[in-house]
Amino acid sequence: MKLIYSSASPFVRKVHVVLHETGQMDQTELVEVMTTPVNSANEAVAANPSGKIPSLITDDGTALYDSRVICRYLDHQSGGTLYPADDIWKMLTLEATADAILDAAVLMTYERRVRPDEMVFVPWIEAQWAKAERSIIALGNDWMDYLTGPLNIGQIGVGCALAYLDFRHADRDWRSSNPELATWFAAFGQRPSMQATQPK
């Protein structure tokens, strides 16, 4: 397999963590690209017409894209333990909640990194943070039971989402209002897969 990636992308990190956790790293060639929303890398466009990363090229040459699709594929290939069938809809919703945090946080990042300073729209940034913050509160209120026990895709998604907030938005104090979630994340972040996939 071949993974088209950038180490700074939190959606890539989800896939990278799944590769580690499912023992498929040694079967995967990593192809790092430099890409932005306004200048997509050729390798990214060749694998995904939108130019987004990550993309996974399977052994038969099929290009899979969107982190949720890739993670589900990798889980299936390894025997399928990250998406427990007895609670699949809750698990997919938890993964979607983590991705919602990432969507908002990445848009916040792009607003300042891609736009010229005079075009940055601060109300847009704050609106994205409000989405992320509501989702974080929901994790602490409604989802802690799913963040314990055997490893699942929800835990991986939430771990990568919170790590990205620390990486790109360290000034946003999500911990003080969510102490139980903060305690969980401190432990989850010590997993070898999380340590091995820290962004450069």
N, C-alpha and C. Protein backbone atom coordinates (compact mmCIF):
# COMPACT_ATOMS: atom_id res chain seq x y z
N MET A 1 0.85 -1.19 0.00
CA MET A 1 0.00 0.00 0.00
C MET A 1 0.89 1.24 0.00
N LYS A 2 0.28 2.37 -0.38
CA LYS A 2 1.01 3.63 -0.42
C LYS A 2 0.11 4.72 0.16
N LEU A 3 0.62 5.45 1.15
CA LEU A 3 -0.14 6.52 1.78
C LEU A 3 0.40 7.87 1.33
N ILE A 4 -0.46 8.68 0.72
CA ILE A 4 -0.12 10.05 0.35
C ILE A 4 -0.45 10.91 1.56
N TYR A 5 0.57 11.60 2.11
CA TYR A 5 0.35 12.21 3.42
C TYR A 5 1.19 13.46 3.63
N SER A 6 0.81 14.19 4.67
CA SER A 6 1.64 15.24 5.26
C SER A 6 1.54 15.05 6.77
N SER A 7 2.66 15.11 7.46
CA SER A 7 2.65 14.80 8.89
C SER A 7 1.85 15.81 9.70
N ALA A 8 1.66 17.02 9.18
CA ALA A 8 0.94 18.06 9.93
C ALA A 8 -0.58 17.89 9.85
N SER A 9 -1.06 17.09 8.92
CA SER A 9 -2.52 16.93 8.75
C SER A 9 -3.09 16.02 9.83
N PRO A 10 -4.09 16.49 10.57
CA PRO A 10 -4.68 15.63 11.60
C PRO A 10 -5.50 14.49 11.01
N PHE A 11 -6.04 14.68 9.81
CA PHE A 11 -6.78 13.59 9.16
C PHE A 11 -5.80 12.49 8.73
N VAL A 12 -4.63 12.88 8.26
CA VAL A 12 -3.58 11.91 7.98
C VAL A 12 -3.18 11.20 9.27
N ARG A 13 -3.08 11.95 10.35
CA ARG A 13 -2.63 11.32 11.60
C ARG A 13 -3.59 10.22 12.03
N LYS A 14 -4.88 10.40 11.87
CA LYS A 14 -5.84 9.33 12.18
C LYS A 14 -5.46 8.05 11.45
N VAL A 15 -5.21 8.18 10.16
CA VAL A 15 -4.86 7.01 9.36
C VAL A 15 -3.53 6.43 9.82
N HIS A 16 -2.57 7.30 10.09
CA HIS A 16 -1.25 6.86 10.52
C HIS A 16 -1.34 6.09 11.84
N VAL A 17 -2.15 6.59 12.77
CA VAL A 17 -2.35 5.89 14.05
C VAL A 17 -2.98 4.52 13.81
N VAL A 18 -3.98 4.46 12.93
CA VAL A 18 -4.62 3.18 12.63
C VAL A 18 -3.62 2.20 12.02
N LEU A 19 -2.75 2.69 11.15
CA LEU A 19 -1.71 1.81 10.58
C LEU A 19 -0.84 1.22 11.68
N HIS A 20 -0.45 2.06 12.63
CA HIS A 20 0.36 1.56 13.76
C HIS A 20 -0.43 0.56 14.60
N GLU A 21 -1.64 0.92 14.95
CA GLU A 21 -2.42 0.09 15.88
C GLU A 21 -2.83 -1.24 15.26
N THR A 22 -2.94 -1.30 13.94
CA THR A 22 -3.36 -2.54 13.28
C THR A 22 -2.18 -3.32 12.71
N GLY A 23 -0.97 -2.84 12.95
CA GLY A 23 0.22 -3.58 12.52
C GLY A 23 0.46 -3.58 11.03
N GLN A 24 0.04 -2.50 10.35
CA GLN A 24 0.19 -2.46 8.89
C GLN A 24 1.22 -1.44 8.41
N MET A 25 1.99 -0.86 9.33
CA MET A 25 2.98 0.13 8.93
C MET A 25 4.01 -0.47 7.98
N ASP A 26 4.46 -1.69 8.25
CA ASP A 26 5.52 -2.27 7.43
C ASP A 26 5.03 -2.68 6.05
N GLN A 27 3.71 -2.60 5.82
CA GLN A 27 3.14 -2.91 4.52
C GLN A 27 2.84 -1.65 3.72
N THR A 28 3.20 -0.48 4.26
CA THR A 28 2.77 0.79 3.69
C THR A 28 3.95 1.69 3.38
N GLU A 29 4.02 2.14 2.14
CA GLU A 29 5.00 3.14 1.73
C GLU A 29 4.42 4.52 2.00
N LEU A 30 5.18 5.38 2.66
CA LEU A 30 4.73 6.73 2.96
C LEU A 30 5.27 7.70 1.92
N VAL A 31 4.37 8.44 1.29
CA VAL A 31 4.75 9.43 0.28
C VAL A 31 4.34 10.80 0.80
N GLU A 32 5.31 11.55 1.32
CA GLU A 32 5.00 12.86 1.91
C GLU A 32 4.93 13.92 0.83
N VAL A 33 3.92 14.77 0.92
CA VAL A 33 3.73 15.84 -0.05
C VAL A 33 3.58 17.17 0.67
N MET A 34 3.90 18.23 -0.02
CA MET A 34 3.64 19.59 0.45
C MET A 34 2.43 20.10 -0.32
N THR A 35 1.34 20.31 0.37
CA THR A 35 0.11 20.69 -0.30
C THR A 35 -0.68 21.67 0.55
N THR A 36 -1.42 22.56 -0.09
CA THR A 36 -2.29 23.51 0.60
C THR A 36 -3.61 23.58 -0.16
N PRO A 37 -4.64 24.21 0.42
CA PRO A 37 -5.92 24.32 -0.28
C PRO A 37 -5.83 25.15 -1.57
N VAL A 38 -4.80 25.96 -1.70
CA VAL A 38 -4.68 26.79 -2.90
C VAL A 38 -3.57 26.31 -3.83
N ASN A 39 -2.89 25.24 -3.46
CA ASN A 39 -1.82 24.71 -4.30
C ASN A 39 -1.65 23.22 -4.00
N SER A 40 -2.51 22.42 -4.61
CA SER A 40 -2.51 20.98 -4.33
C SER A 40 -1.32 20.30 -4.98
N ALA A 41 -0.70 19.41 -4.25
CA ALA A 41 0.42 18.64 -4.77
C ALA A 41 -0.05 17.69 -5.88
N ASN A 42 0.79 17.48 -6.88
CA ASN A 42 0.42 16.62 -8.00
C ASN A 42 0.07 15.21 -7.54
N GLU A 43 0.84 14.69 -6.59
CA GLU A 43 0.58 13.33 -6.10
C GLU A 43 -0.78 13.24 -5.42
N ALA A 44 -1.15 14.32 -4.72
CA ALA A 44 -2.45 14.34 -4.04
C ALA A 44 -3.59 14.36 -5.06
N VAL A 45 -3.44 15.17 -6.11
CA VAL A 45 -4.48 15.27 -7.14
C VAL A 45 -4.60 13.96 -7.93
N ALA A 46 -3.48 13.31 -8.17
CA ALA A 46 -3.51 12.05 -8.91
C ALA A 46 -4.29 10.97 -8.17
N ALA A 47 -4.25 11.02 -6.84
CA ALA A 47 -4.94 10.01 -6.03
C ALA A 47 -6.36 10.41 -5.68
N ASN A 48 -6.64 11.71 -5.63
CA ASN A 48 -7.94 12.22 -5.20
C ASN A 48 -8.23 13.48 -6.02
N PRO A 49 -9.29 13.50 -6.82
CA PRO A 49 -9.55 14.67 -7.67
C PRO A 49 -9.69 15.97 -6.90
N SER A 50 -10.06 15.91 -5.62
CA SER A 50 -10.16 17.13 -4.83
C SER A 50 -8.79 17.64 -4.39
N GLY A 51 -7.77 16.78 -4.49
CA GLY A 51 -6.43 17.16 -4.06
C GLY A 51 -6.20 17.08 -2.56
N LYS A 52 -7.20 16.60 -1.82
CA LYS A 52 -7.06 16.51 -0.37
C LYS A 52 -6.28 15.27 0.03
N ILE A 53 -5.70 15.34 1.21
CA ILE A 53 -5.03 14.19 1.80
C ILE A 53 -5.72 13.85 3.12
N PRO A 54 -5.59 12.57 3.53
CA PRO A 54 -4.79 11.49 2.97
C PRO A 54 -5.50 10.76 1.84
N SER A 55 -4.68 10.06 1.06
CA SER A 55 -5.17 9.06 0.11
C SER A 55 -4.35 7.80 0.32
N LEU A 56 -4.99 6.67 0.12
CA LEU A 56 -4.32 5.38 0.25
C LEU A 56 -4.44 4.64 -1.07
N ILE A 57 -3.31 4.26 -1.64
CA ILE A 57 -3.31 3.44 -2.85
C ILE A 57 -3.16 2.00 -2.40
N THR A 58 -4.16 1.18 -2.68
CA THR A 58 -4.14 -0.21 -2.24
C THR A 58 -3.21 -1.02 -3.15
N ASP A 59 -2.98 -2.27 -2.77
CA ASP A 59 -2.06 -3.12 -3.52
C ASP A 59 -2.53 -3.38 -4.94
N ASP A 60 -3.84 -3.29 -5.19
CA ASP A 60 -4.32 -3.49 -6.56
C ASP A 60 -4.43 -2.18 -7.34
N GLY A 61 -3.93 -1.08 -6.75
CA GLY A 61 -3.91 0.21 -7.45
C GLY A 61 -5.11 1.08 -7.23
N THR A 62 -6.07 0.63 -6.43
CA THR A 62 -7.25 1.44 -6.14
C THR A 62 -6.88 2.59 -5.21
N ALA A 63 -7.37 3.79 -5.53
CA ALA A 63 -7.13 4.96 -4.68
C ALA A 63 -8.34 5.16 -3.76
N LEU A 64 -8.09 5.12 -2.46
CA LEU A 64 -9.11 5.39 -1.46
C LEU A 64 -8.80 6.73 -0.83
N TYR A 65 -9.84 7.55 -0.61
CA TYR A 65 -9.60 8.83 0.05
C TYR A 65 -10.74 9.18 0.98
N ASP A 66 -10.45 10.15 1.85
CA ASP A 66 -11.23 10.53 3.03
C ASP A 66 -10.77 9.62 4.17
N SER A 67 -10.35 10.24 5.26
CA SER A 67 -9.78 9.47 6.35
C SER A 67 -10.73 8.42 6.90
N ARG A 68 -12.03 8.72 6.91
CA ARG A 68 -12.97 7.74 7.45
C ARG A 68 -13.05 6.49 6.57
N VAL A 69 -13.01 6.69 5.26
CA VAL A 69 -13.02 5.55 4.35
C VAL A 69 -11.75 4.73 4.53
N ILE A 70 -10.60 5.41 4.59
CA ILE A 70 -9.33 4.71 4.71
C ILE A 70 -9.24 3.94 6.03
N CYS A 71 -9.64 4.59 7.11
CA CYS A 71 -9.58 3.91 8.41
C CYS A 71 -10.47 2.67 8.43
N ARG A 72 -11.64 2.77 7.84
CA ARG A 72 -12.54 1.62 7.80
C ARG A 72 -11.93 0.49 6.97
N TYR A 73 -11.28 0.85 5.87
CA TYR A 73 -10.63 -0.14 5.02
C TYR A 73 -9.50 -0.83 5.78
N LEU A 74 -8.65 -0.05 6.43
CA LEU A 74 -7.52 -0.62 7.16
C LEU A 74 -8.00 -1.52 8.30
N ASP A 75 -9.06 -1.10 8.96
CA ASP A 75 -9.62 -1.94 10.03
C ASP A 75 -10.12 -3.26 9.46
N HIS A 76 -10.82 -3.20 8.34
CA HIS A 76 -11.32 -4.42 7.69
C HIS A 76 -10.16 -5.34 7.32
N GLN A 77 -9.10 -4.76 6.76
CA GLN A 77 -7.94 -5.55 6.34
C GLN A 77 -7.27 -6.26 7.51
N SER A 78 -7.38 -5.67 8.68
CA SER A 78 -6.66 -6.22 9.84
C SER A 78 -7.53 -7.10 10.74
N GLY A 79 -8.77 -7.30 10.37
CA GLY A 79 -9.63 -8.17 11.17
C GLY A 79 -10.80 -7.48 11.84
N GLY A 80 -10.86 -6.15 11.77
CA GLY A 80 -12.06 -5.42 12.16
C GLY A 80 -12.37 -5.37 13.63
N THR A 81 -11.55 -4.64 14.42
CA THR A 81 -11.85 -4.48 15.84
C THR A 81 -12.13 -3.04 16.24
N LEU A 82 -11.86 -2.08 15.36
CA LEU A 82 -11.99 -0.66 15.73
C LEU A 82 -13.41 -0.14 15.58
N TYR A 83 -14.27 -0.85 14.86
CA TYR A 83 -15.65 -0.44 14.64
C TYR A 83 -16.58 -1.53 15.17
N PRO A 84 -16.78 -1.58 16.48
CA PRO A 84 -17.58 -2.68 17.06
C PRO A 84 -19.00 -2.71 16.49
N ALA A 85 -19.37 -3.86 15.94
CA ALA A 85 -20.64 -3.99 15.24
C ALA A 85 -21.84 -3.81 16.15
N ASP A 86 -21.69 -4.14 17.43
CA ASP A 86 -22.85 -4.07 18.32
C ASP A 86 -23.22 -2.64 18.68
N ASP A 87 -22.39 -1.68 18.32
CA ASP A 87 -22.70 -0.27 18.60
C ASP A 87 -22.19 0.61 17.47
N ILE A 88 -22.35 0.13 16.24
CA ILE A 88 -21.69 0.77 15.11
C ILE A 88 -22.19 2.20 14.87
N TRP A 89 -23.47 2.47 15.05
CA TRP A 89 -23.98 3.81 14.74
C TRP A 89 -23.48 4.83 15.75
N LYS A 90 -23.41 4.44 17.01
CA LYS A 90 -22.83 5.33 18.01
C LYS A 90 -21.34 5.57 17.70
N MET A 91 -20.65 4.50 17.32
CA MET A 91 -19.22 4.61 17.04
C MET A 91 -18.96 5.54 15.86
N LEU A 92 -19.76 5.41 14.81
CA LEU A 92 -19.60 6.29 13.65
C LEU A 92 -19.94 7.73 14.00
N THR A 93 -20.91 7.92 14.88
CA THR A 93 -21.26 9.28 15.30
C THR A 93 -20.15 9.89 16.14
N LEU A 94 -19.53 9.09 17.00
CA LEU A 94 -18.39 9.59 17.78
C LEU A 94 -17.24 9.97 16.85
N GLU A 95 -16.95 9.14 15.86
CA GLU A 95 -15.91 9.47 14.89
C GLU A 95 -16.26 10.77 14.16
N ALA A 96 -17.52 10.93 13.79
CA ALA A 96 -17.95 12.15 13.10
C ALA A 96 -17.81 13.37 14.00
N THR A 97 -18.06 13.21 15.30
CA THR A 97 -17.90 14.32 16.24
C THR A 97 -16.43 14.75 16.30
N ALA A 98 -15.53 13.78 16.35
CA ALA A 98 -14.10 14.10 16.33
C ALA A 98 -13.72 14.80 15.03
N ASP A 99 -14.24 14.32 13.92
CA ASP A 99 -13.94 14.96 12.63
C ASP A 99 -14.52 16.36 12.55
N ALA A 100 -15.65 16.60 13.21
CA ALA A 100 -16.22 17.95 13.22
C ALA A 100 -15.29 18.93 13.92
N ILE A 101 -14.66 18.48 15.01
CA ILE A 101 -13.66 19.32 15.69
C ILE A 101 -12.51 19.60 14.73
N LEU A 102 -12.05 18.57 14.04
CA LEU A 102 -10.95 18.75 13.10
C LEU A 102 -11.33 19.67 11.95
N ASP A 103 -12.52 19.49 11.40
CA ASP A 103 -12.95 20.36 10.30
C ASP A 103 -12.89 21.82 10.72
N ALA A 104 -13.44 22.12 11.89
CA ALA A 104 -13.48 23.50 12.37
C ALA A 104 -12.07 24.01 12.66
N ALA A 105 -11.26 23.19 13.30
CA ALA A 105 -9.92 23.63 13.67
C ALA A 105 -9.03 23.84 12.46
N VAL A 106 -9.17 22.99 11.45
CA VAL A 106 -8.38 23.16 10.22
C VAL A 106 -8.80 24.44 9.49
N LEU A 107 -10.09 24.72 9.45
CA LEU A 107 -10.56 25.96 8.82
C LEU A 107 -10.03 27.18 9.56
N MET A 108 -9.96 27.11 10.88
CA MET A 108 -9.36 28.20 11.65
C MET A 108 -7.90 28.41 11.25
N THR A 109 -7.19 27.30 11.09
CA THR A 109 -5.79 27.38 10.70
C THR A 109 -5.63 28.01 9.33
N TYR A 110 -6.42 27.54 8.37
CA TYR A 110 -6.30 28.05 7.00
C TYR A 110 -6.66 29.52 6.91
N GLU A 111 -7.61 29.96 7.72
CA GLU A 111 -8.02 31.37 7.64
C GLU A 111 -6.85 32.30 7.90
N ARG A 112 -5.96 31.92 8.77
CA ARG A 112 -4.80 32.77 9.06
C ARG A 112 -3.57 32.42 8.22
N ARG A 113 -3.45 31.18 7.80
CA ARG A 113 -2.23 30.77 7.09
C ARG A 113 -2.32 30.99 5.59
N VAL A 114 -3.52 30.92 5.04
CA VAL A 114 -3.69 30.99 3.59
C VAL A 114 -4.11 32.37 3.12
N ARG A 115 -4.96 33.03 3.89
CA ARG A 115 -5.42 34.36 3.49
C ARG A 115 -4.39 35.44 3.83
N PRO A 116 -4.32 36.49 3.02
CA PRO A 116 -3.53 37.66 3.42
C PRO A 116 -4.10 38.25 4.71
N ASP A 117 -3.24 38.88 5.51
CA ASP A 117 -3.66 39.42 6.81
C ASP A 117 -4.89 40.31 6.70
N GLU A 118 -4.94 41.15 5.67
CA GLU A 118 -6.04 42.10 5.55
C GLU A 118 -7.37 41.44 5.18
N MET A 119 -7.32 40.15 4.80
CA MET A 119 -8.55 39.44 4.42
C MET A 119 -9.02 38.46 5.49
N VAL A 120 -8.26 38.31 6.57
CA VAL A 120 -8.66 37.38 7.63
C VAL A 120 -9.95 37.86 8.27
N PHE A 121 -10.93 36.97 8.39
CA PHE A 121 -12.24 37.31 8.93
C PHE A 121 -12.37 36.68 10.32
N VAL A 122 -12.12 37.47 11.34
CA VAL A 122 -12.09 36.96 12.71
C VAL A 122 -13.42 36.35 13.14
N PRO A 123 -14.59 36.94 12.80
CA PRO A 123 -15.85 36.29 13.17
C PRO A 123 -15.97 34.86 12.61
N TRP A 124 -15.40 34.63 11.44
CA TRP A 124 -15.40 33.27 10.89
C TRP A 124 -14.58 32.34 11.77
N ILE A 125 -13.42 32.79 12.20
CA ILE A 125 -12.57 31.98 13.08
C ILE A 125 -13.31 31.65 14.37
N GLU A 126 -13.94 32.66 14.95
CA GLU A 126 -14.64 32.43 16.22
C GLU A 126 -15.85 31.52 16.05
N ALA A 127 -16.51 31.61 14.89
CA ALA A 127 -17.64 30.71 14.63
C ALA A 127 -17.17 29.27 14.52
N GLN A 128 -16.01 29.07 13.90
CA GLN A 128 -15.47 27.71 13.81
C GLN A 128 -15.08 27.19 15.20
N TRP A 129 -14.49 28.08 16.00
CA TRP A 129 -14.13 27.65 17.36
C TRP A 129 -15.37 27.28 18.16
N ALA A 130 -16.45 28.00 17.97
CA ALA A 130 -17.69 27.68 18.70
C ALA A 130 -18.16 26.27 18.35
N LYS A 131 -18.03 25.89 17.07
CA LYS A 131 -18.40 24.53 16.67
C LYS A 131 -17.51 23.50 17.36
N ALA A 132 -16.22 23.77 17.35
CA ALA A 132 -15.29 22.84 18.00
C ALA A 132 -15.56 22.75 19.49
N GLU A 133 -15.78 23.89 20.11
CA GLU A 133 -15.98 23.92 21.56
C GLU A 133 -17.25 23.18 21.97
N ARG A 134 -18.33 23.36 21.21
CA ARG A 134 -19.57 22.62 21.51
C ARG A 134 -19.35 21.12 21.39
N SER A 135 -18.58 20.74 20.38
CA SER A 135 -18.30 19.31 20.19
C SER A 135 -17.45 18.75 21.31
N ILE A 136 -16.48 19.53 21.78
CA ILE A 136 -15.64 19.10 22.90
C ILE A 136 -16.48 18.91 24.16
N ILE A 137 -17.37 19.86 24.42
CA ILE A 137 -18.25 19.75 25.58
C ILE A 137 -19.12 18.50 25.48
N ALA A 138 -19.62 18.24 24.26
CA ALA A 138 -20.44 17.03 24.05
C ALA A 138 -19.65 15.76 24.34
N LEU A 139 -18.37 15.75 23.97
CA LEU A 139 -17.53 14.59 24.26
C LEU A 139 -17.49 14.33 25.77
N GLY A 140 -17.25 15.39 26.52
CA GLY A 140 -17.16 15.24 27.98
C GLY A 140 -18.47 14.87 28.62
N ASN A 141 -19.56 15.36 28.07
CA ASN A 141 -20.88 15.12 28.66
C ASN A 141 -21.48 13.78 28.27
N ASP A 142 -21.25 13.36 27.01
CA ASP A 142 -22.03 12.26 26.45
C ASP A 142 -21.23 11.04 26.01
N TRP A 143 -19.91 11.18 25.88
CA TRP A 143 -19.17 10.14 25.18
C TRP A 143 -18.05 9.50 25.99
N MET A 144 -17.89 9.86 27.24
CA MET A 144 -16.74 9.33 27.98
C MET A 144 -16.76 7.80 28.10
N ASP A 145 -17.95 7.20 28.19
CA ASP A 145 -18.02 5.74 28.28
C ASP A 145 -17.41 5.07 27.05
N TYR A 146 -17.50 5.75 25.89
CA TYR A 146 -16.97 5.17 24.65
C TYR A 146 -15.47 5.42 24.50
N LEU A 147 -14.93 6.30 25.35
CA LEU A 147 -13.51 6.60 25.28
C LEU A 147 -12.70 5.71 26.22
N THR A 148 -13.37 4.78 26.86
CA THR A 148 -12.69 3.80 27.72
C THR A 148 -12.90 2.41 27.14
N GLY A 149 -12.17 1.46 27.68
CA GLY A 149 -12.32 0.10 27.19
C GLY A 149 -11.44 -0.17 25.99
N PRO A 150 -11.74 -1.25 25.25
CA PRO A 150 -10.91 -1.63 24.10
C PRO A 150 -10.80 -0.49 23.09
N LEU A 151 -9.65 -0.40 22.45
CA LEU A 151 -9.40 0.67 21.48
C LEU A 151 -10.44 0.63 20.37
N ASN A 152 -10.96 1.82 20.02
CA ASN A 152 -11.90 1.93 18.91
C ASN A 152 -11.59 3.18 18.10
N ILE A 153 -12.24 3.31 16.96
CA ILE A 153 -11.95 4.43 16.06
C ILE A 153 -12.35 5.77 16.68
N GLY A 154 -13.34 5.76 17.54
CA GLY A 154 -13.74 7.00 18.21
C GLY A 154 -12.61 7.53 19.09
N GLN A 155 -11.97 6.65 19.82
CA GLN A 155 -10.85 7.07 20.66
C GLN A 155 -9.72 7.65 19.80
N ILE A 156 -9.41 7.00 18.70
CA ILE A 156 -8.36 7.49 17.81
C ILE A 156 -8.72 8.85 17.24
N GLY A 157 -9.96 9.00 16.80
CA GLY A 157 -10.39 10.28 16.24
C GLY A 157 -10.33 11.41 17.25
N VAL A 158 -10.84 11.15 18.44
CA VAL A 158 -10.84 12.18 19.48
C VAL A 158 -9.40 12.51 19.90
N GLY A 159 -8.57 11.48 20.05
CA GLY A 159 -7.18 11.74 20.40
C GLY A 159 -6.48 12.63 19.39
N CYS A 160 -6.69 12.35 18.11
CA CYS A 160 -6.06 13.17 17.07
C CYS A 160 -6.64 14.57 17.02
N ALA A 161 -7.94 14.70 17.28
CA ALA A 161 -8.57 16.03 17.27
C ALA A 161 -8.02 16.90 18.40
N LEU A 162 -7.96 16.37 19.60
CA LEU A 162 -7.46 17.15 20.72
C LEU A 162 -5.97 17.47 20.56
N ALA A 163 -5.23 16.53 20.01
CA ALA A 163 -3.81 16.78 19.76
C ALA A 163 -3.62 17.90 18.74
N TYR A 164 -4.49 17.96 17.74
CA TYR A 164 -4.38 19.02 16.74
C TYR A 164 -4.68 20.39 17.35
N LEU A 165 -5.64 20.44 18.27
CA LEU A 165 -5.91 21.71 18.95
C LEU A 165 -4.66 22.18 19.69
N ASP A 166 -3.97 21.26 20.34
CA ASP A 166 -2.74 21.64 21.04
C ASP A 166 -1.66 22.08 20.05
N PHE A 167 -1.61 21.45 18.90
CA PHE A 167 -0.58 21.72 17.90
C PHE A 167 -0.78 23.08 17.23
N ARG A 168 -2.00 23.38 16.83
CA ARG A 168 -2.25 24.59 16.05
C ARG A 168 -2.97 25.69 16.82
N HIS A 169 -3.65 25.34 17.91
CA HIS A 169 -4.46 26.32 18.62
C HIS A 169 -4.23 26.20 20.13
N ALA A 170 -2.98 26.21 20.51
CA ALA A 170 -2.64 26.03 21.92
C ALA A 170 -3.17 27.14 22.81
N ASP A 171 -3.51 28.29 22.20
CA ASP A 171 -4.05 29.41 22.99
C ASP A 171 -5.50 29.17 23.40
N ARG A 172 -6.15 28.20 22.82
CA ARG A 172 -7.54 27.88 23.16
C ARG A 172 -7.54 26.86 24.30
N ASP A 173 -7.98 27.27 25.44
CA ASP A 173 -7.92 26.41 26.63
C ASP A 173 -9.15 25.52 26.70
N TRP A 174 -9.07 24.35 26.06
CA TRP A 174 -10.20 23.43 26.09
C TRP A 174 -10.21 22.58 27.36
N ARG A 175 -9.07 22.50 28.05
CA ARG A 175 -8.96 21.59 29.19
C ARG A 175 -9.71 22.07 30.43
N SER A 176 -9.67 23.37 30.74
CA SER A 176 -10.19 23.84 32.02
C SER A 176 -11.67 23.55 32.18
N SER A 177 -12.43 23.55 31.10
CA SER A 177 -13.87 23.27 31.19
C SER A 177 -14.19 21.80 30.95
N ASN A 178 -13.17 21.01 30.66
CA ASN A 178 -13.39 19.60 30.34
C ASN A 178 -12.34 18.73 31.04
N PRO A 179 -12.30 18.76 32.38
CA PRO A 179 -11.21 18.08 33.10
C PRO A 179 -11.19 16.57 32.90
N GLU A 180 -12.34 15.93 32.82
CA GLU A 180 -12.36 14.48 32.64
C GLU A 180 -11.79 14.11 31.27
N LEU A 181 -12.17 14.88 30.26
CA LEU A 181 -11.65 14.64 28.92
C LEU A 181 -10.15 14.91 28.87
N ALA A 182 -9.71 15.95 29.57
CA ALA A 182 -8.29 16.28 29.61
C ALA A 182 -7.48 15.15 30.25
N THR A 183 -8.01 14.57 31.31
CA THR A 183 -7.33 13.45 31.96
C THR A 183 -7.24 12.26 31.03
N TRP A 184 -8.35 11.97 30.34
CA TRP A 184 -8.34 10.87 29.37
C TRP A 184 -7.29 11.10 28.29
N PHE A 185 -7.24 12.33 27.75
CA PHE A 185 -6.33 12.62 26.66
C PHE A 185 -4.87 12.52 27.10
N ALA A 186 -4.58 12.93 28.34
CA ALA A 186 -3.21 12.85 28.83
C ALA A 186 -2.72 11.40 28.80
N ALA A 187 -3.60 10.48 29.13
CA ALA A 187 -3.22 9.06 29.10
C ALA A 187 -3.19 8.53 27.67
N PHE A 188 -4.19 8.88 26.89
CA PHE A 188 -4.26 8.36 25.51
C PHE A 188 -3.07 8.84 24.68
N GLY A 189 -2.64 10.05 24.92
CA GLY A 189 -1.53 10.61 24.16
C GLY A 189 -0.21 9.91 24.39
N GLN A 190 -0.13 9.05 25.41
CA GLN A 190 1.08 8.31 25.68
C GLN A 190 1.15 6.99 24.91
N ARG A 191 0.10 6.64 24.21
CA ARG A 191 0.14 5.41 23.42
C ARG A 191 1.30 5.50 22.42
N PRO A 192 2.01 4.40 22.19
CA PRO A 192 3.11 4.43 21.22
C PRO A 192 2.69 4.94 19.85
N SER A 193 1.46 4.63 19.42
CA SER A 193 1.01 5.09 18.10
C SER A 193 0.86 6.60 18.06
N MET A 194 0.45 7.21 19.16
CA MET A 194 0.33 8.67 19.22
C MET A 194 1.71 9.32 19.30
N GLN A 195 2.60 8.72 20.05
CA GLN A 195 3.95 9.25 20.15
C GLN A 195 4.67 9.16 18.81
N ALA A 196 4.44 8.09 18.08
CA ALA A 196 5.14 7.88 16.81
C ALA A 196 4.63 8.76 15.69
N THR A 197 3.43 9.34 15.86
CA THR A 197 2.81 10.09 14.76
C THR A 197 2.70 11.58 15.06
N GLN A 198 3.47 12.06 16.01
CA GLN A 198 3.42 13.48 16.31
C GLN A 198 3.85 14.29 15.08
N PRO A 199 3.15 15.38 14.77
CA PRO A 199 3.52 16.16 13.58
C PRO A 199 4.87 16.81 13.72
N LYS A 200 5.53 17.01 12.59
CA LYS A 200 6.83 17.65 12.59
C LYS A 200 6.66 19.15 12.83
